[in-house]
Amino acid sequence: MDSPETKPVITVYVSGGVVQAVYTSLPGDIEVNVIDFDNAKAESEEAVTEAEEQLETAEREQRMIY
């Protein structure tokens, strides 16, 4: 198990309900996907469906860390 000194960190900065920045201690390129249901609902039913599909994929293929 990683010690606190070497554990990779991802920090998401949110202000006003909007992601302002994402920081990481991980090396290399990192892909960050933000699934915002509030914006999707304001856009269209198709956008909501796409957001739901993205979330289902994340839940199936990734590890929840928060």
PDB file of N, CA and C in Angstrom:
ATOM      1  N   MET A   1       0.836  -1.185   0.000  1.00  0.00           N
ATOM      2  CA  MET A   1       0.000   0.000   0.000  1.00  0.00           C
ATOM      3  C   MET A   1       0.882   1.251   0.000  1.00  0.00           C
ATOM      4  N   ASP A   2       0.441   2.292  -0.694  1.00  0.00           N
ATOM      5  CA  ASP A   2       1.212   3.535  -0.757  1.00  0.00           C
ATOM      6  C   ASP A   2       1.223   4.227   0.595  1.00  0.00           C
ATOM      7  N   SER A   3       2.343   4.816   0.902  1.00  0.00           N
ATOM      8  CA  SER A   3       2.414   5.627   2.110  1.00  0.00           C
ATOM      9  C   SER A   3       1.825   7.002   1.788  1.00  0.00           C
ATOM     10  N   PRO A   4       1.451   7.765   2.814  1.00  0.00           N
ATOM     11  CA  PRO A   4       0.880   9.095   2.552  1.00  0.00           C
ATOM     12  C   PRO A   4       1.807   9.991   1.739  1.00  0.00           C
ATOM     13  N   GLU A   5       3.125   9.776   1.836  1.00  0.00           N
ATOM     14  CA  GLU A   5       4.083  10.607   1.109  1.00  0.00           C
ATOM     15  C   GLU A   5       4.095  10.301  -0.388  1.00  0.00           C
ATOM     16  N   THR A   6       3.742   9.064  -0.787  1.00  0.00           N
ATOM     17  CA  THR A   6       3.839   8.683  -2.194  1.00  0.00           C
ATOM     18  C   THR A   6       2.485   8.435  -2.845  1.00  0.00           C
ATOM     19  N   LYS A   7       1.410   8.570  -2.093  1.00  0.00           N
ATOM     20  CA  LYS A   7       0.079   8.306  -2.636  1.00  0.00           C
ATOM     21  C   LYS A   7      -0.263   9.368  -3.678  1.00  0.00           C
ATOM     22  N   PRO A   8      -0.663   8.963  -4.892  1.00  0.00           N
ATOM     23  CA  PRO A   8      -1.067   9.941  -5.909  1.00  0.00           C
ATOM     24  C   PRO A   8      -2.289  10.727  -5.440  1.00  0.00           C
ATOM     25  N   VAL A   9      -2.353  11.983  -5.811  1.00  0.00           N
ATOM     26  CA  VAL A   9      -3.448  12.853  -5.399  1.00  0.00           C
ATOM     27  C   VAL A   9      -4.074  13.520  -6.618  1.00  0.00           C
ATOM     28  N   ILE A  10      -5.402  13.568  -6.649  1.00  0.00           N
ATOM     29  CA  ILE A  10      -6.147  14.358  -7.626  1.00  0.00           C
ATOM     30  C   ILE A  10      -7.013  15.312  -6.813  1.00  0.00           C
ATOM     31  N   THR A  11      -6.903  16.600  -7.085  1.00  0.00           N
ATOM     32  CA  THR A  11      -7.667  17.620  -6.388  1.00  0.00           C
ATOM     33  C   THR A  11      -8.582  18.323  -7.377  1.00  0.00           C
ATOM     34  N   VAL A  12      -9.886  18.370  -7.054  1.00  0.00           N
ATOM     35  CA  VAL A  12     -10.862  19.028  -7.910  1.00  0.00           C
ATOM     36  C   VAL A  12     -11.338  20.283  -7.184  1.00  0.00           C
ATOM     37  N   TYR A  13     -11.137  21.428  -7.818  1.00  0.00           N
ATOM     38  CA  TYR A  13     -11.534  22.712  -7.249  1.00  0.00           C
ATOM     39  C   TYR A  13     -12.871  23.122  -7.855  1.00  0.00           C
ATOM     40  N   VAL A  14     -13.902  23.241  -7.003  1.00  0.00           N
ATOM     41  CA  VAL A  14     -15.245  23.619  -7.435  1.00  0.00           C
ATOM     42  C   VAL A  14     -15.638  24.909  -6.740  1.00  0.00           C
ATOM     43  N   SER A  15     -16.168  25.859  -7.501  1.00  0.00           N
ATOM     44  CA  SER A  15     -16.669  27.106  -6.941  1.00  0.00           C
ATOM     45  C   SER A  15     -17.923  27.502  -7.703  1.00  0.00           C
ATOM     46  N   GLY A  16     -18.971  27.857  -6.987  1.00  0.00           N
ATOM     47  CA  GLY A  16     -20.220  28.231  -7.638  1.00  0.00           C
ATOM     48  C   GLY A  16     -20.867  27.079  -8.377  1.00  0.00           C
ATOM     49  N   GLY A  17     -20.590  25.855  -7.924  1.00  0.00           N
ATOM     50  CA  GLY A  17     -21.170  24.688  -8.570  1.00  0.00           C
ATOM     51  C   GLY A  17     -20.505  24.312  -9.880  1.00  0.00           C
ATOM     52  N   VAL A  18     -19.366  24.926 -10.185  1.00  0.00           N
ATOM     53  CA  VAL A  18     -18.664  24.673 -11.444  1.00  0.00           C
ATOM     54  C   VAL A  18     -17.222  24.276 -11.151  1.00  0.00           C
ATOM     55  N   VAL A  19     -16.745  23.230 -11.831  1.00  0.00           N
ATOM     56  CA  VAL A  19     -15.338  22.835 -11.694  1.00  0.00           C
ATOM     57  C   VAL A  19     -14.480  23.952 -12.280  1.00  0.00           C
ATOM     58  N   GLN A  20     -13.594  24.488 -11.450  1.00  0.00           N
ATOM     59  CA  GLN A  20     -12.716  25.575 -11.885  1.00  0.00           C
ATOM     60  C   GLN A  20     -11.357  25.049 -12.344  1.00  0.00           C
ATOM     61  N   ALA A  21     -10.896  23.967 -11.685  1.00  0.00           N
ATOM     62  CA  ALA A  21      -9.576  23.424 -12.004  1.00  0.00           C
ATOM     63  C   ALA A  21      -9.459  22.018 -11.429  1.00  0.00           C
ATOM     64  N   VAL A  22      -8.568  21.235 -12.030  1.00  0.00           N
ATOM     65  CA  VAL A  22      -8.243  19.899 -11.530  1.00  0.00           C
ATOM     66  C   VAL A  22      -6.723  19.802 -11.490  1.00  0.00           C
ATOM     67  N   TYR A  23      -6.195  19.395 -10.345  1.00  0.00           N
ATOM     68  CA  TYR A  23      -4.753  19.264 -10.145  1.00  0.00           C
ATOM     69  C   TYR A  23      -4.428  17.810  -9.835  1.00  0.00           C
ATOM     70  N   THR A  24      -3.219  17.376 -10.164  1.00  0.00           N
ATOM     71  CA  THR A  24      -2.804  16.017  -9.818  1.00  0.00           C
ATOM     72  C   THR A  24      -1.306  15.949  -9.577  1.00  0.00           C
ATOM     73  N   SER A  25      -0.927  15.000  -8.742  1.00  0.00           N
ATOM     74  CA  SER A  25       0.488  14.709  -8.528  1.00  0.00           C
ATOM     75  C   SER A  25       0.944  13.567  -9.437  1.00  0.00           C
ATOM     76  N   LEU A  26       0.020  13.003 -10.194  1.00  0.00           N
ATOM     77  CA  LEU A  26       0.358  11.902 -11.096  1.00  0.00           C
ATOM     78  C   LEU A  26       1.151  12.419 -12.293  1.00  0.00           C
ATOM     79  N   PRO A  27       2.155  11.667 -12.735  1.00  0.00           N
ATOM     80  CA  PRO A  27       2.934  12.096 -13.895  1.00  0.00           C
ATOM     81  C   PRO A  27       2.176  11.844 -15.200  1.00  0.00           C
ATOM     82  N   GLY A  28       2.564  12.540 -16.227  1.00  0.00           N
ATOM     83  CA  GLY A  28       2.001  12.296 -17.561  1.00  0.00           C
ATOM     84  C   GLY A  28       0.632  12.922 -17.750  1.00  0.00           C
ATOM     85  N   ASP A  29       0.049  12.622 -18.896  1.00  0.00           N
ATOM     86  CA  ASP A  29      -1.272  13.141 -19.230  1.00  0.00           C
ATOM     87  C   ASP A  29      -2.345  12.364 -18.481  1.00  0.00           C
ATOM     88  N   ILE A  30      -3.295  13.074 -17.930  1.00  0.00           N
ATOM     89  CA  ILE A  30      -4.403  12.478 -17.194  1.00  0.00           C
ATOM     90  C   ILE A  30      -5.689  12.950 -17.862  1.00  0.00           C
ATOM     91  N   GLU A  31      -6.612  12.041 -18.096  1.00  0.00           N
ATOM     92  CA  GLU A  31      -7.911  12.416 -18.642  1.00  0.00           C
ATOM     93  C   GLU A  31      -8.891  12.603 -17.496  1.00  0.00           C
ATOM     94  N   VAL A  32      -9.595  13.717 -17.493  1.00  0.00           N
ATOM     95  CA  VAL A  32     -10.595  14.013 -16.474  1.00  0.00           C
ATOM     96  C   VAL A  32     -11.925  14.229 -17.176  1.00  0.00           C
ATOM     97  N   ASN A  33     -12.935  13.494 -16.774  1.00  0.00           N
ATOM     98  CA  ASN A  33     -14.270  13.646 -17.328  1.00  0.00           C
ATOM     99  C   ASN A  33     -15.179  14.220 -16.254  1.00  0.00           C
ATOM    100  N   VAL A  34     -15.843  15.314 -16.561  1.00  0.00           N
ATOM    101  CA  VAL A  34     -16.811  15.907 -15.647  1.00  0.00           C
ATOM    102  C   VAL A  34     -18.191  15.630 -16.226  1.00  0.00           C
ATOM    103  N   ILE A  35     -19.009  14.938 -15.454  1.00  0.00           N
ATOM    104  CA  ILE A  35     -20.376  14.633 -15.874  1.00  0.00           C
ATOM    105  C   ILE A  35     -21.283  15.532 -15.045  1.00  0.00           C
ATOM    106  N   ASP A  36     -21.854  16.551 -15.675  1.00  0.00           N
ATOM    107  CA  ASP A  36     -22.660  17.548 -14.975  1.00  0.00           C
ATOM    108  C   ASP A  36     -24.124  17.380 -15.366  1.00  0.00           C
ATOM    109  N   PHE A  37     -24.893  16.743 -14.487  1.00  0.00           N
ATOM    110  CA  PHE A  37     -26.305  16.497 -14.782  1.00  0.00           C
ATOM    111  C   PHE A  37     -27.122  17.790 -14.783  1.00  0.00           C
ATOM    112  N   ASP A  38     -26.724  18.789 -14.005  1.00  0.00           N
ATOM    113  CA  ASP A  38     -27.449  20.057 -14.016  1.00  0.00           C
ATOM    114  C   ASP A  38     -27.383  20.707 -15.399  1.00  0.00           C
ATOM    115  N   ASN A  39     -26.193  20.749 -15.970  1.00  0.00           N
ATOM    116  CA  ASN A  39     -26.054  21.321 -17.314  1.00  0.00           C
ATOM    117  C   ASN A  39     -26.750  20.457 -18.353  1.00  0.00           C
ATOM    118  N   ALA A  40     -26.653  19.146 -18.213  1.00  0.00           N
ATOM    119  CA  ALA A  40     -27.284  18.242 -19.177  1.00  0.00           C
ATOM    120  C   ALA A  40     -28.799  18.428 -19.162  1.00  0.00           C
ATOM    121  N   LYS A  41     -29.384  18.546 -17.959  1.00  0.00           N
ATOM    122  CA  LYS A  41     -30.837  18.734 -17.852  1.00  0.00           C
ATOM    123  C   LYS A  41     -31.270  20.049 -18.485  1.00  0.00           C
ATOM    124  N   ALA A  42     -30.436  21.073 -18.372  1.00  0.00           N
ATOM    125  CA  ALA A  42     -30.764  22.370 -18.967  1.00  0.00           C
ATOM    126  C   ALA A  42     -30.614  22.340 -20.482  1.00  0.00           C
ATOM    127  N   GLU A  43     -29.813  21.401 -20.985  1.00  0.00           N
ATOM    128  CA  GLU A  43     -29.542  21.329 -22.426  1.00  0.00           C
ATOM    129  C   GLU A  43     -30.625  20.556 -23.179  1.00  0.00           C
ATOM    130  N   SER A  44     -30.748  19.250 -22.895  1.00  0.00           N
ATOM    131  CA  SER A  44     -31.718  18.429 -23.626  1.00  0.00           C
ATOM    132  C   SER A  44     -31.814  17.046 -22.998  1.00  0.00           C
ATOM    133  N   GLU A  45     -32.860  16.319 -23.368  1.00  0.00           N
ATOM    134  CA  GLU A  45     -33.017  14.942 -22.895  1.00  0.00           C
ATOM    135  C   GLU A  45     -31.892  14.063 -23.450  1.00  0.00           C
ATOM    136  N   GLU A  46     -31.447  14.363 -24.659  1.00  0.00           N
ATOM    137  CA  GLU A  46     -30.331  13.615 -25.260  1.00  0.00           C
ATOM    138  C   GLU A  46     -29.050  13.806 -24.444  1.00  0.00           C
ATOM    139  N   ALA A  47     -28.825  15.019 -23.969  1.00  0.00           N
ATOM    140  CA  ALA A  47     -27.643  15.290 -23.144  1.00  0.00           C
ATOM    141  C   ALA A  47     -27.722  14.529 -21.826  1.00  0.00           C
ATOM    142  N   VAL A  48     -28.919  14.426 -21.250  1.00  0.00           N
ATOM    143  CA  VAL A  48     -29.103  13.663 -20.007  1.00  0.00           C
ATOM    144  C   VAL A  48     -28.806  12.193 -20.254  1.00  0.00           C
ATOM    145  N   THR A  49     -29.316  11.652 -21.351  1.00  0.00           N
ATOM    146  CA  THR A  49     -29.062  10.252 -21.691  1.00  0.00           C
ATOM    147  C   THR A  49     -27.568  10.002 -21.868  1.00  0.00           C
ATOM    148  N   GLU A  50     -26.872  10.908 -22.548  1.00  0.00           N
ATOM    149  CA  GLU A  50     -25.425  10.767 -22.741  1.00  0.00           C
ATOM    150  C   GLU A  50     -24.691  10.815 -21.400  1.00  0.00           C
ATOM    151  N   ALA A  51     -25.092  11.723 -20.515  1.00  0.00           N
ATOM    152  CA  ALA A  51     -24.464  11.815 -19.191  1.00  0.00           C
ATOM    153  C   ALA A  51     -24.691  10.534 -18.395  1.00  0.00           C
ATOM    154  N   GLU A  52     -25.898   9.979 -18.472  1.00  0.00           N
ATOM    155  CA  GLU A  52     -26.196   8.721 -17.778  1.00  0.00           C
ATOM    156  C   GLU A  52     -25.321   7.591 -18.307  1.00  0.00           C
ATOM    157  N   GLU A  53     -25.138   7.537 -19.617  1.00  0.00           N
ATOM    158  CA  GLU A  53     -24.288   6.497 -20.216  1.00  0.00           C
ATOM    159  C   GLU A  53     -22.832   6.666 -19.789  1.00  0.00           C
ATOM    160  N   GLN A  54     -22.360   7.903 -19.748  1.00  0.00           N
ATOM    161  CA  GLN A  54     -20.982   8.155 -19.305  1.00  0.00           C
ATOM    162  C   GLN A  54     -20.795   7.716 -17.855  1.00  0.00           C
ATOM    163  N   LEU A  55     -21.781   8.010 -17.017  1.00  0.00           N
ATOM    164  CA  LEU A  55     -21.695   7.616 -15.606  1.00  0.00           C
ATOM    165  C   LEU A  55     -21.716   6.100 -15.455  1.00  0.00           C
ATOM    166  N   GLU A  56     -22.573   5.427 -16.197  1.00  0.00           N
ATOM    167  CA  GLU A  56     -22.627   3.960 -16.148  1.00  0.00           C
ATOM    168  C   GLU A  56     -21.298   3.350 -16.562  1.00  0.00           C
ATOM    169  N   THR A  57     -20.673   3.897 -17.588  1.00  0.00           N
ATOM    170  CA  THR A  57     -19.370   3.404 -18.034  1.00  0.00           C
ATOM    171  C   THR A  57     -18.322   3.614 -16.943  1.00  0.00           C
ATOM    172  N   ALA A  58     -18.325   4.781 -16.331  1.00  0.00           N
ATOM    173  CA  ALA A  58     -17.363   5.063 -15.264  1.00  0.00           C
ATOM    174  C   ALA A  58     -17.558   4.113 -14.085  1.00  0.00           C
ATOM    175  N   GLU A  59     -18.807   3.886 -13.695  1.00  0.00           N
ATOM    176  CA  GLU A  59     -19.088   2.996 -12.573  1.00  0.00           C
ATOM    177  C   GLU A  59     -18.645   1.562 -12.870  1.00  0.00           C
ATOM    178  N   ARG A  60     -18.734   1.168 -14.125  1.00  0.00           N
ATOM    179  CA  ARG A  60     -18.385  -0.192 -14.523  1.00  0.00           C
ATOM    180  C   ARG A  60     -16.871  -0.368 -14.698  1.00  0.00           C
ATOM    181  N   GLU A  61     -16.196   0.649 -15.239  1.00  0.00           N
ATOM    182  CA  GLU A  61     -14.795   0.484 -15.651  1.00  0.00           C
ATOM    183  C   GLU A  61     -13.768   1.149 -14.737  1.00  0.00           C
ATOM    184  N   GLN A  62     -14.222   1.981 -13.806  1.00  0.00           N
ATOM    185  CA  GLN A  62     -13.283   2.722 -12.980  1.00  0.00           C
ATOM    186  C   GLN A  62     -13.534   2.451 -11.503  1.00  0.00           C
ATOM    187  N   ARG A  63     -12.579   2.833 -10.698  1.00  0.00           N
ATOM    188  CA  ARG A  63     -12.663   2.675  -9.247  1.00  0.00           C
ATOM    189  C   ARG A  63     -13.076   4.008  -8.631  1.00  0.00           C
ATOM    190  N   MET A  64     -14.134   3.972  -7.820  1.00  0.00           N
ATOM    191  CA  MET A  64     -14.586   5.180  -7.137  1.00  0.00           C
ATOM    192  C   MET A  64     -13.591   5.545  -6.044  1.00  0.00           C
ATOM    193  N   ILE A  65     -13.143   6.800  -6.046  1.00  0.00           N
ATOM    194  CA  ILE A  65     -12.144   7.206  -5.065  1.00  0.00           C
ATOM    195  C   ILE A  65     -12.672   8.253  -4.100  1.00  0.00           C
ATOM    196  N   TYR A  66     -13.893   8.715  -4.303  1.00  0.00           N
ATOM    197  CA  TYR A  66     -14.476   9.697  -3.375  1.00  0.00           C
ATOM    198  C   TYR A  66     -15.964   9.479  -3.312  1.00  0.00           C
TER     199      TYR A  66
END
